[in-house]
């Protein structure tokens, strides 16, 4: 971390620290911003979507990531049908990884 403090004003100090004559600091900030961009996109995508919906009146469990709907909510909740959800998620993940390789 590089700091420069010549003035009492924070804005003037920041302007002088970001002076084009100091390229290592600016280049480092640009690299950091480029590196964080994909992480931010993944995080935004992950937090913006619904993952799973449990509809108790209809007895339905829907996983929105893989478009799987099971009408056995009671069995999913007690764990006996949870393997169906997990197996579908694993199969979807394997298909996505295979598609990336090809």
PDB file of N, CA and C in Angstrom:
ATOM      1  N   UNK A   1       0.845  -1.175   0.000  1.00  0.00           N
ATOM      2  CA  UNK A   1       0.000   0.000   0.000  1.00  0.00           C
ATOM      3  C   UNK A   1       0.892   1.240   0.000  1.00  0.00           C
ATOM      4  N   UNK A   2       0.570   2.166  -0.858  1.00  0.00           N
ATOM      5  CA  UNK A   2       1.353   3.387  -0.975  1.00  0.00           C
ATOM      6  C   UNK A   2       0.521   4.554  -0.470  1.00  0.00           C
ATOM      7  N   UNK A   3       1.121   5.384   0.354  1.00  0.00           N
ATOM      8  CA  UNK A   3       0.430   6.564   0.849  1.00  0.00           C
ATOM      9  C   UNK A   3       1.326   7.780   0.654  1.00  0.00           C
ATOM     10  N   UNK A   4       0.683   8.875   0.384  1.00  0.00           N
ATOM     11  CA  UNK A   4       1.418  10.121   0.237  1.00  0.00           C
ATOM     12  C   UNK A   4       0.604  11.200   0.920  1.00  0.00           C
ATOM     13  N   UNK A   5       1.258  11.980   1.773  1.00  0.00           N
ATOM     14  CA  UNK A   5       0.535  13.003   2.505  1.00  0.00           C
ATOM     15  C   UNK A   5       1.381  14.273   2.533  1.00  0.00           C
ATOM     16  N   UNK A   6       1.026  15.205   1.623  1.00  0.00           N
ATOM     17  CA  UNK A   6       1.732  16.481   1.546  1.00  0.00           C
ATOM     18  C   UNK A   6       0.869  17.629   2.050  1.00  0.00           C
ATOM     19  N   UNK A   7      -0.417  17.489   1.897  1.00  0.00           N
ATOM     20  CA  UNK A   7      -1.347  18.566   2.211  1.00  0.00           C
ATOM     21  C   UNK A   7      -2.251  18.138   3.355  1.00  0.00           C
ATOM     22  N   UNK A   8      -3.007  19.089   3.879  1.00  0.00           N
ATOM     23  CA  UNK A   8      -4.008  18.775   4.886  1.00  0.00           C
ATOM     24  C   UNK A   8      -5.286  18.256   4.237  1.00  0.00           C
ATOM     25  N   UNK A   9      -5.465  18.582   2.965  1.00  0.00           N
ATOM     26  CA  UNK A   9      -6.684  18.196   2.266  1.00  0.00           C
ATOM     27  C   UNK A   9      -6.578  16.748   1.759  1.00  0.00           C
ATOM     28  N   UNK A  10      -7.562  15.971   2.084  1.00  0.00           N
ATOM     29  CA  UNK A  10      -7.596  14.575   1.630  1.00  0.00           C
ATOM     30  C   UNK A  10      -7.682  14.507   0.105  1.00  0.00           C
ATOM     31  N   UNK A  11      -8.451  15.399  -0.504  1.00  0.00           N
ATOM     32  CA  UNK A  11      -8.626  15.382  -1.953  1.00  0.00           C
ATOM     33  C   UNK A  11      -7.317  15.711  -2.680  1.00  0.00           C
ATOM     34  N   UNK A  12      -6.572  16.692  -2.171  1.00  0.00           N
ATOM     35  CA  UNK A  12      -5.294  17.031  -2.787  1.00  0.00           C
ATOM     36  C   UNK A  12      -4.295  15.898  -2.627  1.00  0.00           C
ATOM     37  N   UNK A  13      -4.289  15.253  -1.475  1.00  0.00           N
ATOM     38  CA  UNK A  13      -3.396  14.117  -1.264  1.00  0.00           C
ATOM     39  C   UNK A  13      -3.732  12.976  -2.214  1.00  0.00           C
ATOM     40  N   UNK A  14      -5.007  12.731  -2.394  1.00  0.00           N
ATOM     41  CA  UNK A  14      -5.422  11.659  -3.294  1.00  0.00           C
ATOM     42  C   UNK A  14      -5.034  11.978  -4.737  1.00  0.00           C
ATOM     43  N   UNK A  15      -5.223  13.219  -5.134  1.00  0.00           N
ATOM     44  CA  UNK A  15      -4.866  13.619  -6.497  1.00  0.00           C
ATOM     45  C   UNK A  15      -3.371  13.475  -6.730  1.00  0.00           C
ATOM     46  N   UNK A  16      -2.562  13.858  -5.756  1.00  0.00           N
ATOM     47  CA  UNK A  16      -1.113  13.746  -5.940  1.00  0.00           C
ATOM     48  C   UNK A  16      -0.660  12.293  -5.877  1.00  0.00           C
ATOM     49  N   UNK A  17      -1.337  11.463  -5.101  1.00  0.00           N
ATOM     50  CA  UNK A  17      -0.988  10.042  -5.022  1.00  0.00           C
ATOM     51  C   UNK A  17      -1.350   9.325  -6.312  1.00  0.00           C
ATOM     52  N   UNK A  18      -2.385   9.788  -7.008  1.00  0.00           N
ATOM     53  CA  UNK A  18      -2.803   9.173  -8.258  1.00  0.00           C
ATOM     54  C   UNK A  18      -2.182   9.869  -9.470  1.00  0.00           C
ATOM     55  N   UNK A  19      -1.126  10.583  -9.235  1.00  0.00           N
ATOM     56  CA  UNK A  19      -0.421  11.298 -10.304  1.00  0.00           C
ATOM     57  C   UNK A  19       0.062  10.304 -11.366  1.00  0.00           C
ATOM     58  N   UNK A  20      -0.099  10.621 -12.659  1.00  0.00           N
ATOM     59  CA  UNK A  20       0.354   9.718 -13.720  1.00  0.00           C
ATOM     60  C   UNK A  20       1.847   9.421 -13.666  1.00  0.00           C
ATOM     61  N   UNK A  21       2.603  10.246 -12.986  1.00  0.00           N
ATOM     62  CA  UNK A  21       4.032   9.982 -12.843  1.00  0.00           C
ATOM     63  C   UNK A  21       4.290   8.791 -11.928  1.00  0.00           C
ATOM     64  N   UNK A  22       3.247   8.305 -11.284  1.00  0.00           N
ATOM     65  CA  UNK A  22       3.367   7.150 -10.391  1.00  0.00           C
ATOM     66  C   UNK A  22       2.611   5.962 -10.990  1.00  0.00           C
ATOM     67  N   UNK A  23       3.058   5.402 -12.099  1.00  0.00           N
ATOM     68  CA  UNK A  23       2.316   4.335 -12.778  1.00  0.00           C
ATOM     69  C   UNK A  23       2.168   3.034 -12.002  1.00  0.00           C
ATOM     70  N   UNK A  24       3.111   2.641 -11.138  1.00  0.00           N
ATOM     71  CA  UNK A  24       2.909   1.355 -10.455  1.00  0.00           C
ATOM     72  C   UNK A  24       1.631   1.300  -9.621  1.00  0.00           C
ATOM     73  N   UNK A  25       1.279   2.386  -8.957  1.00  0.00           N
ATOM     74  CA  UNK A  25       0.079   2.400  -8.127  1.00  0.00           C
ATOM     75  C   UNK A  25      -1.162   2.289  -8.996  1.00  0.00           C
ATOM     76  N   UNK A  26      -1.220   3.067 -10.065  1.00  0.00           N
ATOM     77  CA  UNK A  26      -2.377   3.052 -10.958  1.00  0.00           C
ATOM     78  C   UNK A  26      -2.508   1.690 -11.647  1.00  0.00           C
ATOM     79  N   UNK A  27      -1.407   1.130 -12.118  1.00  0.00           N
ATOM     80  CA  UNK A  27      -1.437  -0.166 -12.791  1.00  0.00           C
ATOM     81  C   UNK A  27      -1.900  -1.255 -11.833  1.00  0.00           C
ATOM     82  N   UNK A  28      -1.456  -1.180 -10.605  1.00  0.00           N
ATOM     83  CA  UNK A  28      -1.865  -2.174  -9.613  1.00  0.00           C
ATOM     84  C   UNK A  28      -3.364  -2.090  -9.340  1.00  0.00           C
ATOM     85  N   UNK A  29      -3.882  -0.880  -9.242  1.00  0.00           N
ATOM     86  CA  UNK A  29      -5.326  -0.715  -9.018  1.00  0.00           C
ATOM     87  C   UNK A  29      -6.130  -1.239 -10.203  1.00  0.00           C
ATOM     88  N   UNK A  30      -5.650  -0.994 -11.409  1.00  0.00           N
ATOM     89  CA  UNK A  30      -6.354  -1.485 -12.595  1.00  0.00           C
ATOM     90  C   UNK A  30      -6.343  -3.008 -12.651  1.00  0.00           C
ATOM     91  N   UNK A  31      -5.214  -3.617 -12.309  1.00  0.00           N
ATOM     92  CA  UNK A  31      -5.143  -5.088 -12.285  1.00  0.00           C
ATOM     93  C   UNK A  31      -6.107  -5.656 -11.244  1.00  0.00           C
ATOM     94  N   UNK A  32      -6.140  -5.033 -10.077  1.00  0.00           N
ATOM     95  CA  UNK A  32      -7.054  -5.493  -9.029  1.00  0.00           C
ATOM     96  C   UNK A  32      -8.506  -5.389  -9.482  1.00  0.00           C
ATOM     97  N   UNK A  33      -8.853  -4.286 -10.132  1.00  0.00           N
ATOM     98  CA  UNK A  33     -10.228  -4.100 -10.604  1.00  0.00           C
ATOM     99  C   UNK A  33     -10.588  -5.140 -11.658  1.00  0.00           C
ATOM    100  N   UNK A  34      -9.666  -5.436 -12.562  1.00  0.00           N
ATOM    101  CA  UNK A  34      -9.930  -6.457 -13.589  1.00  0.00           C
ATOM    102  C   UNK A  34     -10.066  -7.834 -12.966  1.00  0.00           C
ATOM    103  N   UNK A  35      -9.275  -8.110 -11.957  1.00  0.00           N
ATOM    104  CA  UNK A  35      -9.317  -9.420 -11.313  1.00  0.00           C
ATOM    105  C   UNK A  35     -10.612  -9.604 -10.521  1.00  0.00           C
ATOM    106  N   UNK A  36     -11.120  -8.546  -9.928  1.00  0.00           N
ATOM    107  CA  UNK A  36     -12.331  -8.640  -9.113  1.00  0.00           C
ATOM    108  C   UNK A  36     -13.613  -8.652  -9.938  1.00  0.00           C
ATOM    109  N   UNK A  37     -13.556  -8.201 -11.169  1.00  0.00           N
ATOM    110  CA  UNK A  37     -14.767  -8.108 -11.989  1.00  0.00           C
ATOM    111  C   UNK A  37     -15.483  -9.449 -12.145  1.00  0.00           C
ATOM    112  N   UNK A  38     -14.801 -10.545 -12.528  1.00  0.00           N
ATOM    113  CA  UNK A  38     -15.517 -11.829 -12.644  1.00  0.00           C
ATOM    114  C   UNK A  38     -16.089 -12.302 -11.309  1.00  0.00           C
ATOM    115  N   UNK A  39     -15.374 -12.041 -10.215  1.00  0.00           N
ATOM    116  CA  UNK A  39     -15.874 -12.434  -8.900  1.00  0.00           C
ATOM    117  C   UNK A  39     -17.157 -11.695  -8.565  1.00  0.00           C
ATOM    118  N   UNK A  40     -17.193 -10.414  -8.864  1.00  0.00           N
ATOM    119  CA  UNK A  40     -18.398  -9.634  -8.589  1.00  0.00           C
ATOM    120  C   UNK A  40     -19.565 -10.099  -9.441  1.00  0.00           C
ATOM    121  N   UNK A  41     -19.299 -10.443 -10.691  1.00  0.00           N
ATOM    122  CA  UNK A  41     -20.366 -10.918 -11.571  1.00  0.00           C
ATOM    123  C   UNK A  41     -20.936 -12.232 -11.056  1.00  0.00           C
ATOM    124  N   UNK A  42     -20.062 -13.154 -10.631  1.00  0.00           N
ATOM    125  CA  UNK A  42     -20.548 -14.431 -10.086  1.00  0.00           C
ATOM    126  C   UNK A  42     -21.356 -14.208  -8.823  1.00  0.00           C
ATOM    127  N   UNK A  43     -20.876 -13.323  -7.952  1.00  0.00           N
ATOM    128  CA  UNK A  43     -21.574 -13.072  -6.705  1.00  0.00           C
ATOM    129  C   UNK A  43     -22.945 -12.461  -6.966  1.00  0.00           C
ATOM    130  N   UNK A  44     -22.998 -11.489  -7.872  1.00  0.00           N
ATOM    131  CA  UNK A  44     -24.272 -10.844  -8.186  1.00  0.00           C
ATOM    132  C   UNK A  44     -25.255 -11.842  -8.779  1.00  0.00           C
ATOM    133  N   UNK A  45     -24.764 -12.710  -9.649  1.00  0.00           N
ATOM    134  CA  UNK A  45     -25.633 -13.709 -10.269  1.00  0.00           C
ATOM    135  C   UNK A  45     -26.114 -14.709  -9.230  1.00  0.00           C
ATOM    136  N   UNK A  46     -25.248 -15.100  -8.320  1.00  0.00           N
ATOM    137  CA  UNK A  46     -25.609 -16.091  -7.303  1.00  0.00           C
ATOM    138  C   UNK A  46     -26.607 -15.545  -6.299  1.00  0.00           C
ATOM    139  N   UNK A  47     -26.496 -14.281  -5.955  1.00  0.00           N
ATOM    140  CA  UNK A  47     -27.396 -13.731  -4.947  1.00  0.00           C
ATOM    141  C   UNK A  47     -28.696 -13.208  -5.535  1.00  0.00           C
ATOM    142  N   UNK A  48     -28.742 -13.009  -6.840  1.00  0.00           N
ATOM    143  CA  UNK A  48     -29.917 -12.415  -7.449  1.00  0.00           C
ATOM    144  C   UNK A  48     -30.991 -13.437  -7.806  1.00  0.00           C
ATOM    145  N   UNK A  49     -30.645 -14.683  -7.895  1.00  0.00           N
ATOM    146  CA  UNK A  49     -31.618 -15.670  -8.341  1.00  0.00           C
ATOM    147  C   UNK A  49     -32.154 -16.497  -7.172  1.00  0.00           C
ATOM    148  N   UNK A  50     -33.355 -17.011  -7.388  1.00  0.00           N
ATOM    149  CA  UNK A  50     -33.913 -17.923  -6.403  1.00  0.00           C
ATOM    150  C   UNK A  50     -33.260 -19.286  -6.607  1.00  0.00           C
ATOM    151  N   UNK A  51     -33.042 -19.986  -5.545  1.00  0.00           N
ATOM    152  CA  UNK A  51     -32.439 -21.304  -5.643  1.00  0.00           C
ATOM    153  C   UNK A  51     -33.509 -22.381  -5.580  1.00  0.00           C
ATOM    154  N   UNK A  52     -34.328 -22.320  -4.550  1.00  0.00           N
ATOM    155  CA  UNK A  52     -35.306 -23.379  -4.369  1.00  0.00           C
ATOM    156  C   UNK A  52     -36.563 -22.798  -3.746  1.00  0.00           C
ATOM    157  N   UNK A  53     -37.707 -23.341  -4.154  1.00  0.00           N
ATOM    158  CA  UNK A  53     -38.991 -22.920  -3.605  1.00  0.00           C
ATOM    159  C   UNK A  53     -39.676 -24.131  -2.990  1.00  0.00           C
ATOM    160  N   UNK A  54     -40.179 -23.943  -1.785  1.00  0.00           N
ATOM    161  CA  UNK A  54     -40.939 -24.988  -1.105  1.00  0.00           C
ATOM    162  C   UNK A  54     -42.385 -24.514  -1.009  1.00  0.00           C
ATOM    163  N   UNK A  55     -43.291 -25.175  -1.712  1.00  0.00           N
ATOM    164  CA  UNK A  55     -44.696 -24.798  -1.712  1.00  0.00           C
ATOM    165  C   UNK A  55     -45.446 -25.857  -0.906  1.00  0.00           C
ATOM    166  N   UNK A  56     -45.736 -25.549   0.347  1.00  0.00           N
ATOM    167  CA  UNK A  56     -46.355 -26.522   1.246  1.00  0.00           C
ATOM    168  C   UNK A  56     -47.801 -26.850   0.879  1.00  0.00           C
ATOM    169  N   UNK A  57     -48.646 -25.882   0.489  1.00  0.00           N
ATOM    170  CA  UNK A  57     -50.021 -26.248   0.142  1.00  0.00           C
ATOM    171  C   UNK A  57     -50.104 -27.231  -1.040  1.00  0.00           C
ATOM    172  N   UNK A  58     -49.178 -27.116  -2.007  1.00  0.00           N
ATOM    173  CA  UNK A  58     -49.195 -28.029  -3.149  1.00  0.00           C
ATOM    174  C   UNK A  58     -48.276 -29.225  -2.947  1.00  0.00           C
ATOM    175  N   UNK A  59     -47.477 -29.226  -1.896  1.00  0.00           N
ATOM    176  CA  UNK A  59     -46.547 -30.325  -1.651  1.00  0.00           C
ATOM    177  C   UNK A  59     -45.438 -30.359  -2.696  1.00  0.00           C
ATOM    178  N   UNK A  60     -45.006 -29.187  -3.141  1.00  0.00           N
ATOM    179  CA  UNK A  60     -44.072 -29.097  -4.256  1.00  0.00           C
ATOM    180  C   UNK A  60     -42.761 -28.479  -3.812  1.00  0.00           C
ATOM    181  N   UNK A  61     -41.665 -29.057  -4.308  1.00  0.00           N
ATOM    182  CA  UNK A  61     -40.323 -28.531  -4.101  1.00  0.00           C
ATOM    183  C   UNK A  61     -39.729 -28.292  -5.483  1.00  0.00           C
ATOM    184  N   UNK A  62     -39.340 -27.042  -5.771  1.00  0.00           N
ATOM    185  CA  UNK A  62     -38.796 -26.693  -7.080  1.00  0.00           C
ATOM    186  C   UNK A  62     -37.401 -26.122  -6.914  1.00  0.00           C
ATOM    187  N   UNK A  63     -36.452 -26.706  -7.646  1.00  0.00           N
ATOM    188  CA  UNK A  63     -35.096 -26.164  -7.692  1.00  0.00           C
ATOM    189  C   UNK A  63     -34.990 -25.378  -8.987  1.00  0.00           C
ATOM    190  N   UNK A  64     -34.876 -24.053  -8.880  1.00  0.00           N
ATOM    191  CA  UNK A  64     -34.917 -23.176 -10.042  1.00  0.00           C
ATOM    192  C   UNK A  64     -33.634 -23.202 -10.857  1.00  0.00           C
ATOM    193  N   UNK A  65     -32.520 -23.631 -10.270  1.00  0.00           N
ATOM    194  CA  UNK A  65     -31.260 -23.664 -11.003  1.00  0.00           C
ATOM    195  C   UNK A  65     -31.268 -24.723 -12.091  1.00  0.00           C
ATOM    196  N   UNK A  66     -31.949 -25.838 -11.828  1.00  0.00           N
ATOM    197  CA  UNK A  66     -31.945 -26.941 -12.796  1.00  0.00           C
ATOM    198  C   UNK A  66     -33.353 -27.276 -13.293  1.00  0.00           C
ATOM    199  N   UNK A  67     -34.323 -26.471 -12.937  1.00  0.00           N
ATOM    200  CA  UNK A  67     -35.728 -26.672 -13.342  1.00  0.00           C
ATOM    201  C   UNK A  67     -36.240 -28.063 -12.966  1.00  0.00           C
ATOM    202  N   UNK A  68     -36.021 -28.432 -11.728  1.00  0.00           N
ATOM    203  CA  UNK A  68     -36.495 -29.710 -11.203  1.00  0.00           C
ATOM    204  C   UNK A  68     -37.660 -29.439 -10.263  1.00  0.00           C
ATOM    205  N   UNK A  69     -38.775 -30.101 -10.497  1.00  0.00           N
ATOM    206  CA  UNK A  69     -39.939 -29.976  -9.631  1.00  0.00           C
ATOM    207  C   UNK A  69     -40.334 -31.350  -9.137  1.00  0.00           C
ATOM    208  N   UNK A  70     -40.422 -31.504  -7.834  1.00  0.00           N
ATOM    209  CA  UNK A  70     -40.842 -32.755  -7.215  1.00  0.00           C
ATOM    210  C   UNK A  70     -42.097 -32.486  -6.396  1.00  0.00           C
ATOM    211  N   UNK A  71     -43.082 -33.329  -6.543  1.00  0.00           N
ATOM    212  CA  UNK A  71     -44.314 -33.201  -5.766  1.00  0.00           C
ATOM    213  C   UNK A  71     -44.277 -34.165  -4.587  1.00  0.00           C
ATOM    214  N   UNK A  72     -43.185 -34.149  -3.862  1.00  0.00           N
ATOM    215  CA  UNK A  72     -43.012 -34.972  -2.659  1.00  0.00           C
ATOM    216  C   UNK A  72     -42.333 -34.133  -1.583  1.00  0.00           C
ATOM    217  N   UNK A  73     -42.878 -33.006  -1.300  1.00  0.00           N
ATOM    218  CA  UNK A  73     -42.239 -32.094  -0.356  1.00  0.00           C
ATOM    219  C   UNK A  73     -42.058 -32.735   1.019  1.00  0.00           C
ATOM    220  N   UNK A  74     -43.031 -33.500   1.471  1.00  0.00           N
ATOM    221  CA  UNK A  74     -42.904 -34.139   2.781  1.00  0.00           C
ATOM    222  C   UNK A  74     -41.715 -35.096   2.814  1.00  0.00           C
ATOM    223  N   UNK A  75     -41.484 -35.831   1.720  1.00  0.00           N
ATOM    224  CA  UNK A  75     -40.357 -36.769   1.677  1.00  0.00           C
ATOM    225  C   UNK A  75     -39.026 -36.032   1.525  1.00  0.00           C
ATOM    226  N   UNK A  76     -39.038 -34.913   0.815  1.00  0.00           N
ATOM    227  CA  UNK A  76     -37.816 -34.110   0.693  1.00  0.00           C
ATOM    228  C   UNK A  76     -37.454 -33.540   2.056  1.00  0.00           C
ATOM    229  N   UNK A  77     -38.447 -33.071   2.792  1.00  0.00           N
ATOM    230  CA  UNK A  77     -38.190 -32.468   4.094  1.00  0.00           C
ATOM    231  C   UNK A  77     -37.718 -33.492   5.133  1.00  0.00           C
ATOM    232  N   UNK A  78     -38.221 -34.720   5.057  1.00  0.00           N
ATOM    233  CA  UNK A  78     -37.734 -35.719   6.021  1.00  0.00           C
ATOM    234  C   UNK A  78     -36.458 -36.413   5.548  1.00  0.00           C
ATOM    235  N   UNK A  79     -36.035 -36.133   4.317  1.00  0.00           N
ATOM    236  CA  UNK A  79     -34.741 -36.622   3.836  1.00  0.00           C
ATOM    237  C   UNK A  79     -34.794 -37.858   2.969  1.00  0.00           C
ATOM    238  N   UNK A  80     -35.934 -38.506   2.864  1.00  0.00           N
ATOM    239  CA  UNK A  80     -35.983 -39.740   2.086  1.00  0.00           C
ATOM    240  C   UNK A  80     -35.935 -39.493   0.578  1.00  0.00           C
ATOM    241  N   UNK A  81     -36.389 -38.341   0.104  1.00  0.00           N
ATOM    242  CA  UNK A  81     -36.330 -38.022  -1.326  1.00  0.00           C
ATOM    243  C   UNK A  81     -35.284 -36.955  -1.627  1.00  0.00           C
ATOM    244  N   UNK A  82     -34.471 -36.630  -0.657  1.00  0.00           N
ATOM    245  CA  UNK A  82     -33.446 -35.618  -0.849  1.00  0.00           C
ATOM    246  C   UNK A  82     -32.376 -36.083  -1.828  1.00  0.00           C
ATOM    247  N   UNK A  83     -32.160 -37.391  -1.915  1.00  0.00           N
ATOM    248  CA  UNK A  83     -31.186 -37.930  -2.865  1.00  0.00           C
ATOM    249  C   UNK A  83     -31.555 -37.603  -4.306  1.00  0.00           C
ATOM    250  N   UNK A  84     -32.841 -37.539  -4.610  1.00  0.00           N
ATOM    251  CA  UNK A  84     -33.265 -37.198  -5.973  1.00  0.00           C
ATOM    252  C   UNK A  84     -32.818 -35.782  -6.336  1.00  0.00           C
ATOM    253  N   UNK A  85     -32.943 -34.862  -5.409  1.00  0.00           N
ATOM    254  CA  UNK A  85     -32.524 -33.483  -5.649  1.00  0.00           C
ATOM    255  C   UNK A  85     -30.999 -33.419  -5.804  1.00  0.00           C
ATOM    256  N   UNK A  86     -30.296 -34.084  -4.925  1.00  0.00           N
ATOM    257  CA  UNK A  86     -28.830 -34.071  -4.961  1.00  0.00           C
ATOM    258  C   UNK A  86     -28.318 -34.714  -6.241  1.00  0.00           C
ATOM    259  N   UNK A  87     -28.891 -35.857  -6.635  1.00  0.00           N
ATOM    260  CA  UNK A  87     -28.461 -36.532  -7.866  1.00  0.00           C
ATOM    261  C   UNK A  87     -28.702 -35.666  -9.094  1.00  0.00           C
ATOM    262  N   UNK A  88     -29.818 -34.956  -9.120  1.00  0.00           N
ATOM    263  CA  UNK A  88     -30.113 -34.067 -10.253  1.00  0.00           C
ATOM    264  C   UNK A  88     -29.128 -32.899 -10.292  1.00  0.00           C
ATOM    265  N   UNK A  89     -28.774 -32.360  -9.128  1.00  0.00           N
ATOM    266  CA  UNK A  89     -27.789 -31.275  -9.077  1.00  0.00           C
ATOM    267  C   UNK A  89     -26.412 -31.745  -9.542  1.00  0.00           C
ATOM    268  N   UNK A  90     -26.023 -32.940  -9.131  1.00  0.00           N
ATOM    269  CA  UNK A  90     -24.724 -33.488  -9.551  1.00  0.00           C
ATOM    270  C   UNK A  90     -24.711 -33.716 -11.055  1.00  0.00           C
ATOM    271  N   UNK A  91     -25.788 -34.287 -11.588  1.00  0.00           N
ATOM    272  CA  UNK A  91     -25.864 -34.536 -13.030  1.00  0.00           C
ATOM    273  C   UNK A  91     -25.800 -33.232 -13.814  1.00  0.00           C
ATOM    274  N   UNK A  92     -26.468 -32.203 -13.331  1.00  0.00           N
ATOM    275  CA  UNK A  92     -26.439 -30.904 -13.995  1.00  0.00           C
ATOM    276  C   UNK A  92     -25.035 -30.297 -13.950  1.00  0.00           C
ATOM    277  N   UNK A  93     -24.379 -30.396 -12.810  1.00  0.00           N
ATOM    278  CA  UNK A  93     -23.025 -29.862 -12.674  1.00  0.00           C
ATOM    279  C   UNK A  93     -22.061 -30.582 -13.618  1.00  0.00           C
ATOM    280  N   UNK A  94     -22.181 -31.895 -13.714  1.00  0.00           N
ATOM    281  CA  UNK A  94     -21.315 -32.659 -14.617  1.00  0.00           C
ATOM    282  C   UNK A  94     -21.574 -32.280 -16.072  1.00  0.00           C
ATOM    283  N   UNK A  95     -22.830 -32.069 -16.431  1.00  0.00           N
ATOM    284  CA  UNK A  95     -23.157 -31.671 -17.806  1.00  0.00           C
ATOM    285  C   UNK A  95     -22.587 -30.301 -18.128  1.00  0.00           C
ATOM    286  N   UNK A  96     -22.647 -29.364 -17.166  1.00  0.00           N
ATOM    287  CA  UNK A  96     -22.086 -28.025 -17.385  1.00  0.00           C
ATOM    288  C   UNK A  96     -20.576 -28.084 -17.544  1.00  0.00           C
ATOM    289  N   UNK A  97     -19.912 -28.886 -16.714  1.00  0.00           N
ATOM    290  CA  UNK A  97     -18.456 -29.012 -16.824  1.00  0.00           C
ATOM    291  C   UNK A  97     -18.045 -29.654 -18.143  1.00  0.00           C
ATOM    292  N   UNK A  98     -18.805 -30.643 -18.588  1.00  0.00           N
ATOM    293  CA  UNK A  98     -18.519 -31.288 -19.857  1.00  0.00           C
ATOM    294  C   UNK A  98     -18.701 -30.313 -21.016  1.00  0.00           C
ATOM    295  N   UNK A  99     -19.723 -29.471 -20.930  1.00  0.00           N
ATOM    296  CA  UNK A  99     -19.970 -28.473 -21.972  1.00  0.00           C
ATOM    297  C   UNK A  99     -18.845 -27.442 -22.021  1.00  0.00           C
ATOM    298  N   UNK A 100     -18.250 -27.108 -20.872  1.00  0.00           N
ATOM    299  CA  UNK A 100     -17.144 -26.158 -20.845  1.00  0.00           C
ATOM    300  C   UNK A 100     -15.893 -26.738 -21.491  1.00  0.00           C
ATOM    301  N   UNK A 101     -15.684 -28.042 -21.335  1.00  0.00           N
ATOM    302  CA  UNK A 101     -14.504 -28.694 -21.891  1.00  0.00           C
ATOM    303  C   UNK A 101     -14.605 -28.773 -23.419  1.00  0.00           C
ATOM    304  N   UNK A 102     -15.793 -29.031 -23.902  1.00  0.00           N
ATOM    305  CA  UNK A 102     -15.970 -29.184 -25.354  1.00  0.00           C
ATOM    306  C   UNK A 102     -15.948 -27.903 -26.037  1.00  0.00           C
TER     307      UNK A 102
END
